[in-house]
Amino acid sequence: MESLICIDSNAMSYLVDAMTQGCKPTGNVADEKIALLRTYLYRNDILYISPTVKEEYEKIKSDVNRRNHQGIADILLGDIPASVPTIIESRILEYSKHHSGEKNKKDCKILAEAELGGSQILLTYDKIFLINLRGKTRGIKMSTPSEYWNNIGIPKGSRPVRAPYSTNPLSRETWWIW
């Protein structure tokens, strides 16, 4: 079995966009987004989300976007099991020493849930989150999707473990193929 890999909320939203729209990513995190999709398609194991990631996508105002997130989560992603709330809170306090502020509390909670739920790696492309907490965690590593993708050593030209179905917009694209 491969490492249990958890993704944060931003990573999940990109994965949903890629899977439902199929558009090649552009912008300053395009390489991260491509690496994330390849990680999902080429690894033997699925990706996982924490309870807080689920809570966040359930608050999406757009019905279509929220349903897309729900559908991808229900069918293609795994759930990190919930841990004891008091233990999660103590870990959030510990991580908040390095990544403070109300907005960052959710980041710390996602990290704590992933760690305590048994994940070995949390994938994020939030640079501030990585700068503040990488190397300061206990039982979990933090990585960008591109760092992770480059380290797992999938040979170029390999067939994906999962391929988009013929009706999926990605099936007509080649940008994600390794």
Foldseek 3Di string as FASTA:
>chain_A
DDFAEEEALVLLLLLLCCFAPVDQDDDDCSLLSLLSNLCQFADPDHHEFEPLSLVVLCPDPDPVSSVSSVVCCVPGYHYQDADDVVQLVVQLVQLCVQVPDPVCSSVSSRVSSCQVSRGAEYEDPPVSSCVRPAPPDDRHGYDRSNVVSVPVDDDQPDHTPDDRDPVTSNNVDDPSHD
